[in-house]
Amino acid sequence: WLLLRTGWDARSGDQQEFLNANETGPHTP
């Protein structure tokens, strides 16, 4: 496997922070 560590799991307790979306769409790595 190639596992990509981005630190995004720190946001996993909140739907909005996890999807990180605005009027242009979601912004995630």
mmCIF file of all heavy atoms, coordinates in Angstrom:
data_MODEL
# 
_entry.id   MODEL 
# 
loop_
_atom_site.group_PDB 
_atom_site.id 
_atom_site.type_symbol 
_atom_site.label_atom_id 
_atom_site.label_alt_id 
_atom_site.label_comp_id 
_atom_site.label_asym_id 
_atom_site.label_entity_id 
_atom_site.label_seq_id 
_atom_site.pdbx_PDB_ins_code 
_atom_site.Cartn_x 
_atom_site.Cartn_y 
_atom_site.Cartn_z 
_atom_site.occupancy 
_atom_site.B_iso_or_equiv 
_atom_site.pdbx_formal_charge 
_atom_site.auth_seq_id 
_atom_site.auth_comp_id 
_atom_site.auth_asym_id 
_atom_site.auth_atom_id 
_atom_site.pdbx_PDB_model_num 
ATOM 1   N N   . TRP A 1 1  ? 0.834   -1.201 0.000  1.00 0.00 ? 1  TRP A N   1 
ATOM 2   C CA  . TRP A 1 1  ? 0.000   0.000  0.000  1.00 0.00 ? 1  TRP A CA  1 
ATOM 3   C C   . TRP A 1 1  ? 0.866   1.247  0.000  1.00 0.00 ? 1  TRP A C   1 
ATOM 4   O O   . TRP A 1 1  ? 1.908   1.289  0.651  1.00 0.00 ? 1  TRP A O   1 
ATOM 5   C CB  . TRP A 1 1  ? -0.879  0.044  1.252  1.00 0.00 ? 1  TRP A CB  1 
ATOM 6   C CG  . TRP A 1 1  ? -1.981  -0.950 1.297  1.00 0.00 ? 1  TRP A CG  1 
ATOM 7   C CD1 . TRP A 1 1  ? -1.982  -2.150 1.941  1.00 0.00 ? 1  TRP A CD1 1 
ATOM 8   C CD2 . TRP A 1 1  ? -3.266  -0.825 0.690  1.00 0.00 ? 1  TRP A CD2 1 
ATOM 9   N NE1 . TRP A 1 1  ? -3.180  -2.788 1.754  1.00 0.00 ? 1  TRP A NE1 1 
ATOM 10  C CE2 . TRP A 1 1  ? -3.996  -1.999 1.000  1.00 0.00 ? 1  TRP A CE2 1 
ATOM 11  C CE3 . TRP A 1 1  ? -3.868  0.162  -0.095 1.00 0.00 ? 1  TRP A CE3 1 
ATOM 12  C CZ2 . TRP A 1 1  ? -5.297  -2.202 0.551  1.00 0.00 ? 1  TRP A CZ2 1 
ATOM 13  C CZ3 . TRP A 1 1  ? -5.165  -0.048 -0.537 1.00 0.00 ? 1  TRP A CZ3 1 
ATOM 14  C CH2 . TRP A 1 1  ? -5.863  -1.215 -0.210 1.00 0.00 ? 1  TRP A CH2 1 
ATOM 15  N N   . LEU A 1 2  ? 0.416   2.268  -0.690 1.00 0.00 ? 2  LEU A N   1 
ATOM 16  C CA  . LEU A 1 2  ? 0.940   3.607  -0.491 1.00 0.00 ? 2  LEU A CA  1 
ATOM 17  C C   . LEU A 1 2  ? -0.053  4.340  0.394  1.00 0.00 ? 2  LEU A C   1 
ATOM 18  O O   . LEU A 1 2  ? -1.214  4.537  0.009  1.00 0.00 ? 2  LEU A O   1 
ATOM 19  C CB  . LEU A 1 2  ? 1.100   4.351  -1.818 1.00 0.00 ? 2  LEU A CB  1 
ATOM 20  C CG  . LEU A 1 2  ? 1.460   5.835  -1.691 1.00 0.00 ? 2  LEU A CG  1 
ATOM 21  C CD1 . LEU A 1 2  ? 2.792   6.006  -0.981 1.00 0.00 ? 2  LEU A CD1 1 
ATOM 22  C CD2 . LEU A 1 2  ? 1.482   6.514  -3.052 1.00 0.00 ? 2  LEU A CD2 1 
ATOM 23  N N   . LEU A 1 3  ? 0.393   4.735  1.596  1.00 0.00 ? 3  LEU A N   1 
ATOM 24  C CA  . LEU A 1 3  ? -0.453  5.461  2.538  1.00 0.00 ? 3  LEU A CA  1 
ATOM 25  C C   . LEU A 1 3  ? -0.020  6.922  2.550  1.00 0.00 ? 3  LEU A C   1 
ATOM 26  O O   . LEU A 1 3  ? 1.158   7.224  2.764  1.00 0.00 ? 3  LEU A O   1 
ATOM 27  C CB  . LEU A 1 3  ? -0.336  4.861  3.941  1.00 0.00 ? 3  LEU A CB  1 
ATOM 28  C CG  . LEU A 1 3  ? -0.651  3.360  4.066  1.00 0.00 ? 3  LEU A CG  1 
ATOM 29  C CD1 . LEU A 1 3  ? -0.546  2.921  5.523  1.00 0.00 ? 3  LEU A CD1 1 
ATOM 30  C CD2 . LEU A 1 3  ? -2.026  3.037  3.500  1.00 0.00 ? 3  LEU A CD2 1 
ATOM 31  N N   . LEU A 1 4  ? -0.971  7.809  2.331  1.00 0.00 ? 4  LEU A N   1 
ATOM 32  C CA  . LEU A 1 4  ? -0.688  9.244  2.250  1.00 0.00 ? 4  LEU A CA  1 
ATOM 33  C C   . LEU A 1 4  ? -1.102  9.912  3.550  1.00 0.00 ? 4  LEU A C   1 
ATOM 34  O O   . LEU A 1 4  ? -2.295  10.050 3.841  1.00 0.00 ? 4  LEU A O   1 
ATOM 35  C CB  . LEU A 1 4  ? -1.436  9.851  1.063  1.00 0.00 ? 4  LEU A CB  1 
ATOM 36  C CG  . LEU A 1 4  ? -1.166  11.330 0.781  1.00 0.00 ? 4  LEU A CG  1 
ATOM 37  C CD1 . LEU A 1 4  ? 0.305   11.568 0.464  1.00 0.00 ? 4  LEU A CD1 1 
ATOM 38  C CD2 . LEU A 1 4  ? -2.057  11.823 -0.363 1.00 0.00 ? 4  LEU A CD2 1 
ATOM 39  N N   . ARG A 1 5  ? -0.107  10.320 4.333  1.00 0.00 ? 5  ARG A N   1 
ATOM 40  C CA  . ARG A 1 5  ? -0.382  10.980 5.604  1.00 0.00 ? 5  ARG A CA  1 
ATOM 41  C C   . ARG A 1 5  ? -0.469  12.485 5.390  1.00 0.00 ? 5  ARG A C   1 
ATOM 42  O O   . ARG A 1 5  ? 0.483   13.127 4.945  1.00 0.00 ? 5  ARG A O   1 
ATOM 43  C CB  . ARG A 1 5  ? 0.717   10.675 6.623  1.00 0.00 ? 5  ARG A CB  1 
ATOM 44  C CG  . ARG A 1 5  ? 0.261   11.013 8.037  1.00 0.00 ? 5  ARG A CG  1 
ATOM 45  C CD  . ARG A 1 5  ? 1.235   11.859 8.804  1.00 0.00 ? 5  ARG A CD  1 
ATOM 46  N NE  . ARG A 1 5  ? 0.510   12.588 9.840  1.00 0.00 ? 5  ARG A NE  1 
ATOM 47  C CZ  . ARG A 1 5  ? 1.055   13.531 10.587 1.00 0.00 ? 5  ARG A CZ  1 
ATOM 48  N NH1 . ARG A 1 5  ? 2.301   13.860 10.441 1.00 0.00 ? 5  ARG A NH1 1 
ATOM 49  N NH2 . ARG A 1 5  ? 0.324   14.159 11.488 1.00 0.00 ? 5  ARG A NH2 1 
ATOM 50  N N   . THR A 1 6  ? -1.650  13.044 5.634  1.00 0.00 ? 6  THR A N   1 
ATOM 51  C CA  . THR A 1 6  ? -1.899  14.464 5.403  1.00 0.00 ? 6  THR A CA  1 
ATOM 52  C C   . THR A 1 6  ? -2.234  15.222 6.687  1.00 0.00 ? 6  THR A C   1 
ATOM 53  O O   . THR A 1 6  ? -2.326  16.446 6.668  1.00 0.00 ? 6  THR A O   1 
ATOM 54  C CB  . THR A 1 6  ? -3.074  14.641 4.432  1.00 0.00 ? 6  THR A CB  1 
ATOM 55  O OG1 . THR A 1 6  ? -4.235  13.972 4.979  1.00 0.00 ? 6  THR A OG1 1 
ATOM 56  C CG2 . THR A 1 6  ? -2.748  14.049 3.068  1.00 0.00 ? 6  THR A CG2 1 
ATOM 57  N N   . GLY A 1 7  ? -2.457  14.510 7.787  1.00 0.00 ? 7  GLY A N   1 
ATOM 58  C CA  . GLY A 1 7  ? -2.906  15.133 9.021  1.00 0.00 ? 7  GLY A CA  1 
ATOM 59  C C   . GLY A 1 7  ? -4.397  15.399 9.041  1.00 0.00 ? 7  GLY A C   1 
ATOM 60  O O   . GLY A 1 7  ? -4.929  15.979 9.997  1.00 0.00 ? 7  GLY A O   1 
ATOM 61  N N   . TRP A 1 8  ? -5.109  14.944 7.988  1.00 0.00 ? 8  TRP A N   1 
ATOM 62  C CA  . TRP A 1 8  ? -6.536  15.247 7.868  1.00 0.00 ? 8  TRP A CA  1 
ATOM 63  C C   . TRP A 1 8  ? -7.374  14.509 8.906  1.00 0.00 ? 8  TRP A C   1 
ATOM 64  O O   . TRP A 1 8  ? -8.502  14.909 9.201  1.00 0.00 ? 8  TRP A O   1 
ATOM 65  C CB  . TRP A 1 8  ? -7.031  14.918 6.464  1.00 0.00 ? 8  TRP A CB  1 
ATOM 66  C CG  . TRP A 1 8  ? -8.130  15.824 6.017  1.00 0.00 ? 8  TRP A CG  1 
ATOM 67  C CD1 . TRP A 1 8  ? -9.465  15.535 5.962  1.00 0.00 ? 8  TRP A CD1 1 
ATOM 68  C CD2 . TRP A 1 8  ? -8.007  17.184 5.582  1.00 0.00 ? 8  TRP A CD2 1 
ATOM 69  N NE1 . TRP A 1 8  ? -10.171 16.620 5.507  1.00 0.00 ? 8  TRP A NE1 1 
ATOM 70  C CE2 . TRP A 1 8  ? -9.298  17.657 5.270  1.00 0.00 ? 8  TRP A CE2 1 
ATOM 71  C CE3 . TRP A 1 8  ? -6.918  18.044 5.424  1.00 0.00 ? 8  TRP A CE3 1 
ATOM 72  C CZ2 . TRP A 1 8  ? -9.535  18.940 4.816  1.00 0.00 ? 8  TRP A CZ2 1 
ATOM 73  C CZ3 . TRP A 1 8  ? -7.149  19.338 4.959  1.00 0.00 ? 8  TRP A CZ3 1 
ATOM 74  C CH2 . TRP A 1 8  ? -8.442  19.774 4.661  1.00 0.00 ? 8  TRP A CH2 1 
ATOM 75  N N   . ASP A 1 9  ? -6.859  13.454 9.496  1.00 0.00 ? 9  ASP A N   1 
ATOM 76  C CA  . ASP A 1 9  ? -7.628  12.725 10.514 1.00 0.00 ? 9  ASP A CA  1 
ATOM 77  C C   . ASP A 1 9  ? -7.915  13.592 11.735 1.00 0.00 ? 9  ASP A C   1 
ATOM 78  O O   . ASP A 1 9  ? -8.844  13.311 12.490 1.00 0.00 ? 9  ASP A O   1 
ATOM 79  C CB  . ASP A 1 9  ? -6.917  11.433 10.921 1.00 0.00 ? 9  ASP A CB  1 
ATOM 80  C CG  . ASP A 1 9  ? -5.518  11.649 11.448 1.00 0.00 ? 9  ASP A CG  1 
ATOM 81  O OD1 . ASP A 1 9  ? -4.887  12.661 11.098 1.00 0.00 ? 9  ASP A OD1 1 
ATOM 82  O OD2 . ASP A 1 9  ? -5.034  10.791 12.212 1.00 0.00 ? 9  ASP A OD2 1 
ATOM 83  N N   . ALA A 1 10 ? -7.145  14.662 11.944 1.00 0.00 ? 10 ALA A N   1 
ATOM 84  C CA  . ALA A 1 10 ? -7.414  15.570 13.062 1.00 0.00 ? 10 ALA A CA  1 
ATOM 85  C C   . ALA A 1 10 ? -8.765  16.267 12.914 1.00 0.00 ? 10 ALA A C   1 
ATOM 86  O O   . ALA A 1 10 ? -9.323  16.767 13.899 1.00 0.00 ? 10 ALA A O   1 
ATOM 87  C CB  . ALA A 1 10 ? -6.304  16.605 13.178 1.00 0.00 ? 10 ALA A CB  1 
ATOM 88  N N   . ARG A 1 11 ? -9.314  16.274 11.717 1.00 0.00 ? 11 ARG A N   1 
ATOM 89  C CA  . ARG A 1 11 ? -10.597 16.928 11.454 1.00 0.00 ? 11 ARG A CA  1 
ATOM 90  C C   . ARG A 1 11 ? -11.782 15.967 11.527 1.00 0.00 ? 11 ARG A C   1 
ATOM 91  O O   . ARG A 1 11 ? -12.926 16.373 11.315 1.00 0.00 ? 11 ARG A O   1 
ATOM 92  C CB  . ARG A 1 11 ? -10.581 17.555 10.053 1.00 0.00 ? 11 ARG A CB  1 
ATOM 93  C CG  . ARG A 1 11 ? -9.550  18.650 9.838  1.00 0.00 ? 11 ARG A CG  1 
ATOM 94  C CD  . ARG A 1 11 ? -9.454  19.008 8.370  1.00 0.00 ? 11 ARG A CD  1 
ATOM 95  N NE  . ARG A 1 11 ? -8.599  20.145 8.084  1.00 0.00 ? 11 ARG A NE  1 
ATOM 96  C CZ  . ARG A 1 11 ? -9.037  21.355 7.732  1.00 0.00 ? 11 ARG A CZ  1 
ATOM 97  N NH1 . ARG A 1 11 ? -10.336 21.581 7.604  1.00 0.00 ? 11 ARG A NH1 1 
ATOM 98  N NH2 . ARG A 1 11 ? -8.198  22.336 7.483  1.00 0.00 ? 11 ARG A NH2 1 
ATOM 99  N N   . SER A 1 12 ? -11.540 14.703 11.786 1.00 0.00 ? 12 SER A N   1 
ATOM 100 C CA  . SER A 1 12 ? -12.567 13.680 11.595 1.00 0.00 ? 12 SER A CA  1 
ATOM 101 C C   . SER A 1 12 ? -13.708 13.745 12.599 1.00 0.00 ? 12 SER A C   1 
ATOM 102 O O   . SER A 1 12 ? -14.711 13.049 12.428 1.00 0.00 ? 12 SER A O   1 
ATOM 103 C CB  . SER A 1 12 ? -11.932 12.283 11.644 1.00 0.00 ? 12 SER A CB  1 
ATOM 104 O OG  . SER A 1 12 ? -11.363 12.024 12.914 1.00 0.00 ? 12 SER A OG  1 
ATOM 105 N N   . GLY A 1 13 ? -13.588 14.565 13.629 1.00 0.00 ? 13 GLY A N   1 
ATOM 106 C CA  . GLY A 1 13 ? -14.676 14.686 14.593 1.00 0.00 ? 13 GLY A CA  1 
ATOM 107 C C   . GLY A 1 13 ? -15.762 15.651 14.184 1.00 0.00 ? 13 GLY A C   1 
ATOM 108 O O   . GLY A 1 13 ? -16.769 15.793 14.889 1.00 0.00 ? 13 GLY A O   1 
ATOM 109 N N   . ASP A 1 14 ? -15.605 16.311 13.034 1.00 0.00 ? 14 ASP A N   1 
ATOM 110 C CA  . ASP A 1 14 ? -16.564 17.336 12.612 1.00 0.00 ? 14 ASP A CA  1 
ATOM 111 C C   . ASP A 1 14 ? -16.811 17.225 11.110 1.00 0.00 ? 14 ASP A C   1 
ATOM 112 O O   . ASP A 1 14 ? -15.874 17.321 10.316 1.00 0.00 ? 14 ASP A O   1 
ATOM 113 C CB  . ASP A 1 14 ? -16.019 18.724 12.966 1.00 0.00 ? 14 ASP A CB  1 
ATOM 114 C CG  . ASP A 1 14 ? -16.999 19.832 12.648 1.00 0.00 ? 14 ASP A CG  1 
ATOM 115 O OD1 . ASP A 1 14 ? -17.022 20.279 11.484 1.00 0.00 ? 14 ASP A OD1 1 
ATOM 116 O OD2 . ASP A 1 14 ? -17.734 20.262 13.553 1.00 0.00 ? 14 ASP A OD2 1 
ATOM 117 N N   . GLN A 1 15 ? -18.061 17.018 10.736 1.00 0.00 ? 15 GLN A N   1 
ATOM 118 C CA  . GLN A 1 15 ? -18.418 16.838 9.324  1.00 0.00 ? 15 GLN A CA  1 
ATOM 119 C C   . GLN A 1 15 ? -17.968 18.021 8.465  1.00 0.00 ? 15 GLN A C   1 
ATOM 120 O O   . GLN A 1 15 ? -17.379 17.837 7.399  1.00 0.00 ? 15 GLN A O   1 
ATOM 121 C CB  . GLN A 1 15 ? -19.933 16.645 9.200  1.00 0.00 ? 15 GLN A CB  1 
ATOM 122 C CG  . GLN A 1 15 ? -20.487 16.678 7.795  1.00 0.00 ? 15 GLN A CG  1 
ATOM 123 C CD  . GLN A 1 15 ? -20.415 15.347 7.068  1.00 0.00 ? 15 GLN A CD  1 
ATOM 124 O OE1 . GLN A 1 15 ? -20.159 14.322 7.662  1.00 0.00 ? 15 GLN A OE1 1 
ATOM 125 N NE2 . GLN A 1 15 ? -20.640 15.384 5.767  1.00 0.00 ? 15 GLN A NE2 1 
ATOM 126 N N   . GLN A 1 16 ? -18.220 19.248 8.906  1.00 0.00 ? 16 GLN A N   1 
ATOM 127 C CA  . GLN A 1 16 ? -17.896 20.414 8.095  1.00 0.00 ? 16 GLN A CA  1 
ATOM 128 C C   . GLN A 1 16 ? -16.393 20.590 7.948  1.00 0.00 ? 16 GLN A C   1 
ATOM 129 O O   . GLN A 1 16 ? -15.897 20.872 6.851  1.00 0.00 ? 16 GLN A O   1 
ATOM 130 C CB  . GLN A 1 16 ? -18.527 21.669 8.694  1.00 0.00 ? 16 GLN A CB  1 
ATOM 131 C CG  . GLN A 1 16 ? -20.049 21.704 8.568  1.00 0.00 ? 16 GLN A CG  1 
ATOM 132 C CD  . GLN A 1 16 ? -20.641 23.020 9.039  1.00 0.00 ? 16 GLN A CD  1 
ATOM 133 O OE1 . GLN A 1 16 ? -20.030 23.751 9.817  1.00 0.00 ? 16 GLN A OE1 1 
ATOM 134 N NE2 . GLN A 1 16 ? -21.839 23.320 8.568  1.00 0.00 ? 16 GLN A NE2 1 
ATOM 135 N N   . GLU A 1 17 ? -15.657 20.437 9.035  1.00 0.00 ? 17 GLU A N   1 
ATOM 136 C CA  . GLU A 1 17 ? -14.202 20.571 8.956  1.00 0.00 ? 17 GLU A CA  1 
ATOM 137 C C   . GLU A 1 17 ? -13.599 19.465 8.106  1.00 0.00 ? 17 GLU A C   1 
ATOM 138 O O   . GLU A 1 17 ? -12.619 19.684 7.388  1.00 0.00 ? 17 GLU A O   1 
ATOM 139 C CB  . GLU A 1 17 ? -13.586 20.542 10.358 1.00 0.00 ? 17 GLU A CB  1 
ATOM 140 C CG  . GLU A 1 17 ? -13.776 21.808 11.156 1.00 0.00 ? 17 GLU A CG  1 
ATOM 141 C CD  . GLU A 1 17 ? -12.925 21.822 12.402 1.00 0.00 ? 17 GLU A CD  1 
ATOM 142 O OE1 . GLU A 1 17 ? -12.042 20.942 12.540 1.00 0.00 ? 17 GLU A OE1 1 
ATOM 143 O OE2 . GLU A 1 17 ? -13.135 22.709 13.243 1.00 0.00 ? 17 GLU A OE2 1 
ATOM 144 N N   . PHE A 1 18 ? -14.189 18.280 8.174  1.00 0.00 ? 18 PHE A N   1 
ATOM 145 C CA  . PHE A 1 18 ? -13.641 17.140 7.447  1.00 0.00 ? 18 PHE A CA  1 
ATOM 146 C C   . PHE A 1 18 ? -13.836 17.304 5.943  1.00 0.00 ? 18 PHE A C   1 
ATOM 147 O O   . PHE A 1 18 ? -12.921 17.057 5.161  1.00 0.00 ? 18 PHE A O   1 
ATOM 148 C CB  . PHE A 1 18 ? -14.308 15.850 7.929  1.00 0.00 ? 18 PHE A CB  1 
ATOM 149 C CG  . PHE A 1 18 ? -13.573 14.601 7.538  1.00 0.00 ? 18 PHE A CG  1 
ATOM 150 C CD1 . PHE A 1 18 ? -12.328 14.309 8.063  1.00 0.00 ? 18 PHE A CD1 1 
ATOM 151 C CD2 . PHE A 1 18 ? -14.134 13.694 6.655  1.00 0.00 ? 18 PHE A CD2 1 
ATOM 152 C CE1 . PHE A 1 18 ? -11.648 13.152 7.706  1.00 0.00 ? 18 PHE A CE1 1 
ATOM 153 C CE2 . PHE A 1 18 ? -13.475 12.540 6.295  1.00 0.00 ? 18 PHE A CE2 1 
ATOM 154 C CZ  . PHE A 1 18 ? -12.226 12.268 6.821  1.00 0.00 ? 18 PHE A CZ  1 
ATOM 155 N N   . LEU A 1 19 ? -15.009 17.743 5.531  1.00 0.00 ? 19 LEU A N   1 
ATOM 156 C CA  . LEU A 1 19 ? -15.260 17.950 4.100  1.00 0.00 ? 19 LEU A CA  1 
ATOM 157 C C   . LEU A 1 19 ? -14.661 19.262 3.601  1.00 0.00 ? 19 LEU A C   1 
ATOM 158 O O   . LEU A 1 19 ? -14.318 19.376 2.425  1.00 0.00 ? 19 LEU A O   1 
ATOM 159 C CB  . LEU A 1 19 ? -16.758 17.907 3.809  1.00 0.00 ? 19 LEU A CB  1 
ATOM 160 C CG  . LEU A 1 19 ? -17.467 16.584 4.103  1.00 0.00 ? 19 LEU A CG  1 
ATOM 161 C CD1 . LEU A 1 19 ? -18.911 16.643 3.625  1.00 0.00 ? 19 LEU A CD1 1 
ATOM 162 C CD2 . LEU A 1 19 ? -16.751 15.401 3.476  1.00 0.00 ? 19 LEU A CD2 1 
ATOM 163 N N   . ASN A 1 20 ? -14.567 20.258 4.489  1.00 0.00 ? 20 ASN A N   1 
ATOM 164 C CA  . ASN A 1 20 ? -13.895 21.535 4.193  1.00 0.00 ? 20 ASN A CA  1 
ATOM 165 C C   . ASN A 1 20 ? -14.391 22.135 2.875  1.00 0.00 ? 20 ASN A C   1 
ATOM 166 O O   . ASN A 1 20 ? -13.614 22.461 1.972  1.00 0.00 ? 20 ASN A O   1 
ATOM 167 C CB  . ASN A 1 20 ? -12.374 21.333 4.146  1.00 0.00 ? 20 ASN A CB  1 
ATOM 168 C CG  . ASN A 1 20 ? -11.615 22.646 4.257  1.00 0.00 ? 20 ASN A CG  1 
ATOM 169 O OD1 . ASN A 1 20 ? -12.024 23.547 4.978  1.00 0.00 ? 20 ASN A OD1 1 
ATOM 170 N ND2 . ASN A 1 20 ? -10.514 22.757 3.546  1.00 0.00 ? 20 ASN A ND2 1 
ATOM 171 N N   . ALA A 1 21 ? -15.702 22.292 2.784  1.00 0.00 ? 21 ALA A N   1 
ATOM 172 C CA  . ALA A 1 21 ? -16.315 22.783 1.540  1.00 0.00 ? 21 ALA A CA  1 
ATOM 173 C C   . ALA A 1 21 ? -16.761 24.237 1.687  1.00 0.00 ? 21 ALA A C   1 
ATOM 174 O O   . ALA A 1 21 ? -17.149 24.688 2.766  1.00 0.00 ? 21 ALA A O   1 
ATOM 175 C CB  . ALA A 1 21 ? -17.504 21.914 1.178  1.00 0.00 ? 21 ALA A CB  1 
ATOM 176 N N   . ASN A 1 22 ? -16.688 24.960 0.573  1.00 0.00 ? 22 ASN A N   1 
ATOM 177 C CA  . ASN A 1 22 ? -17.263 26.300 0.491  1.00 0.00 ? 22 ASN A CA  1 
ATOM 178 C C   . ASN A 1 22 ? -18.021 26.430 -0.822 1.00 0.00 ? 22 ASN A C   1 
ATOM 179 O O   . ASN A 1 22 ? -18.364 25.414 -1.440 1.00 0.00 ? 22 ASN A O   1 
ATOM 180 C CB  . ASN A 1 22 ? -16.177 27.376 0.647  1.00 0.00 ? 22 ASN A CB  1 
ATOM 181 C CG  . ASN A 1 22 ? -15.097 27.289 -0.420 1.00 0.00 ? 22 ASN A CG  1 
ATOM 182 O OD1 . ASN A 1 22 ? -15.305 26.700 -1.489 1.00 0.00 ? 22 ASN A OD1 1 
ATOM 183 N ND2 . ASN A 1 22 ? -13.937 27.883 -0.154 1.00 0.00 ? 22 ASN A ND2 1 
ATOM 184 N N   . GLU A 1 23 ? -18.262 27.642 -1.264 1.00 0.00 ? 23 GLU A N   1 
ATOM 185 C CA  . GLU A 1 23 ? -19.061 27.830 -2.474 1.00 0.00 ? 23 GLU A CA  1 
ATOM 186 C C   . GLU A 1 23 ? -18.384 27.269 -3.727 1.00 0.00 ? 23 GLU A C   1 
ATOM 187 O O   . GLU A 1 23 ? -19.049 27.040 -4.742 1.00 0.00 ? 23 GLU A O   1 
ATOM 188 C CB  . GLU A 1 23 ? -19.378 29.319 -2.674 1.00 0.00 ? 23 GLU A CB  1 
ATOM 189 C CG  . GLU A 1 23 ? -18.183 30.217 -2.934 1.00 0.00 ? 23 GLU A CG  1 
ATOM 190 C CD  . GLU A 1 23 ? -17.435 30.608 -1.655 1.00 0.00 ? 23 GLU A CD  1 
ATOM 191 O OE1 . GLU A 1 23 ? -17.873 30.175 -0.558 1.00 0.00 ? 23 GLU A OE1 1 
ATOM 192 O OE2 . GLU A 1 23 ? -16.431 31.327 -1.774 1.00 0.00 ? 23 GLU A OE2 1 
ATOM 193 N N   . THR A 1 24 ? -17.077 27.020 -3.659 1.00 0.00 ? 24 THR A N   1 
ATOM 194 C CA  . THR A 1 24 ? -16.375 26.458 -4.817 1.00 0.00 ? 24 THR A CA  1 
ATOM 195 C C   . THR A 1 24 ? -16.240 24.943 -4.732 1.00 0.00 ? 24 THR A C   1 
ATOM 196 O O   . THR A 1 24 ? -15.677 24.321 -5.638 1.00 0.00 ? 24 THR A O   1 
ATOM 197 C CB  . THR A 1 24 ? -14.971 27.082 -4.952 1.00 0.00 ? 24 THR A CB  1 
ATOM 198 O OG1 . THR A 1 24 ? -14.179 26.739 -3.805 1.00 0.00 ? 24 THR A OG1 1 
ATOM 199 C CG2 . THR A 1 24 ? -15.067 28.600 -5.072 1.00 0.00 ? 24 THR A CG2 1 
ATOM 200 N N   . GLY A 1 25 ? -16.739 24.367 -3.654 1.00 0.00 ? 25 GLY A N   1 
ATOM 201 C CA  . GLY A 1 25 ? -16.656 22.918 -3.495 1.00 0.00 ? 25 GLY A CA  1 
ATOM 202 C C   . GLY A 1 25 ? -15.735 22.521 -2.353 1.00 0.00 ? 25 GLY A C   1 
ATOM 203 O O   . GLY A 1 25 ? -15.200 23.379 -1.645 1.00 0.00 ? 25 GLY A O   1 
ATOM 204 N N   . PRO A 1 26 ? -15.513 21.210 -2.163 1.00 0.00 ? 26 PRO A N   1 
ATOM 205 C CA  . PRO A 1 26 ? -14.649 20.746 -1.081 1.00 0.00 ? 26 PRO A CA  1 
ATOM 206 C C   . PRO A 1 26 ? -13.179 21.015 -1.378 1.00 0.00 ? 26 PRO A C   1 
ATOM 207 O O   . PRO A 1 26 ? -12.748 21.000 -2.537 1.00 0.00 ? 26 PRO A O   1 
ATOM 208 C CB  . PRO A 1 26 ? -14.936 19.241 -1.007 1.00 0.00 ? 26 PRO A CB  1 
ATOM 209 C CG  . PRO A 1 26 ? -15.475 18.892 -2.343 1.00 0.00 ? 26 PRO A CG  1 
ATOM 210 C CD  . PRO A 1 26 ? -16.157 20.100 -2.883 1.00 0.00 ? 26 PRO A CD  1 
ATOM 211 N N   . HIS A 1 27 ? -12.429 21.255 -0.305 1.00 0.00 ? 27 HIS A N   1 
ATOM 212 C CA  . HIS A 1 27 ? -10.989 21.506 -0.417 1.00 0.00 ? 27 HIS A CA  1 
ATOM 213 C C   . HIS A 1 27 ? -10.260 20.549 0.510  1.00 0.00 ? 27 HIS A C   1 
ATOM 214 O O   . HIS A 1 27 ? -10.079 20.809 1.699  1.00 0.00 ? 27 HIS A O   1 
ATOM 215 C CB  . HIS A 1 27 ? -10.680 22.966 -0.078 1.00 0.00 ? 27 HIS A CB  1 
ATOM 216 C CG  . HIS A 1 27 ? -11.308 23.934 -1.030 1.00 0.00 ? 27 HIS A CG  1 
ATOM 217 N ND1 . HIS A 1 27 ? -10.705 24.317 -2.203 1.00 0.00 ? 27 HIS A ND1 1 
ATOM 218 C CD2 . HIS A 1 27 ? -12.526 24.552 -1.008 1.00 0.00 ? 27 HIS A CD2 1 
ATOM 219 C CE1 . HIS A 1 27 ? -11.492 25.154 -2.859 1.00 0.00 ? 27 HIS A CE1 1 
ATOM 220 N NE2 . HIS A 1 27 ? -12.611 25.310 -2.154 1.00 0.00 ? 27 HIS A NE2 1 
ATOM 221 N N   . THR A 1 28 ? -9.870  19.421 -0.053 1.00 0.00 ? 28 THR A N   1 
ATOM 222 C CA  . THR A 1 28 ? -9.142  18.402 0.686  1.00 0.00 ? 28 THR A CA  1 
ATOM 223 C C   . THR A 1 28 ? -7.995  17.891 -0.181 1.00 0.00 ? 28 THR A C   1 
ATOM 224 O O   . THR A 1 28 ? -8.085  17.913 -1.406 1.00 0.00 ? 28 THR A O   1 
ATOM 225 C CB  . THR A 1 28 ? -10.054 17.223 1.073  1.00 0.00 ? 28 THR A CB  1 
ATOM 226 O OG1 . THR A 1 28 ? -10.590 16.618 -0.110 1.00 0.00 ? 28 THR A OG1 1 
ATOM 227 C CG2 . THR A 1 28 ? -11.204 17.680 1.960  1.00 0.00 ? 28 THR A CG2 1 
ATOM 228 N N   . PRO A 1 29 ? -6.914  17.422 0.447  1.00 0.00 ? 29 PRO A N   1 
ATOM 229 C CA  . PRO A 1 29 ? -5.739  17.003 -0.323 1.00 0.00 ? 29 PRO A CA  1 
ATOM 230 C C   . PRO A 1 29 ? -5.947  15.674 -1.025 1.00 0.00 ? 29 PRO A C   1 
ATOM 231 O O   . PRO A 1 29 ? -6.869  14.916 -0.714 1.00 0.00 ? 29 PRO A O   1 
ATOM 232 C CB  . PRO A 1 29 ? -4.654  16.893 0.753  1.00 0.00 ? 29 PRO A CB  1 
ATOM 233 C CG  . PRO A 1 29 ? -5.410  16.578 2.005  1.00 0.00 ? 29 PRO A CG  1 
ATOM 234 C CD  . PRO A 1 29 ? -6.704  17.328 1.896  1.00 0.00 ? 29 PRO A CD  1 
# 
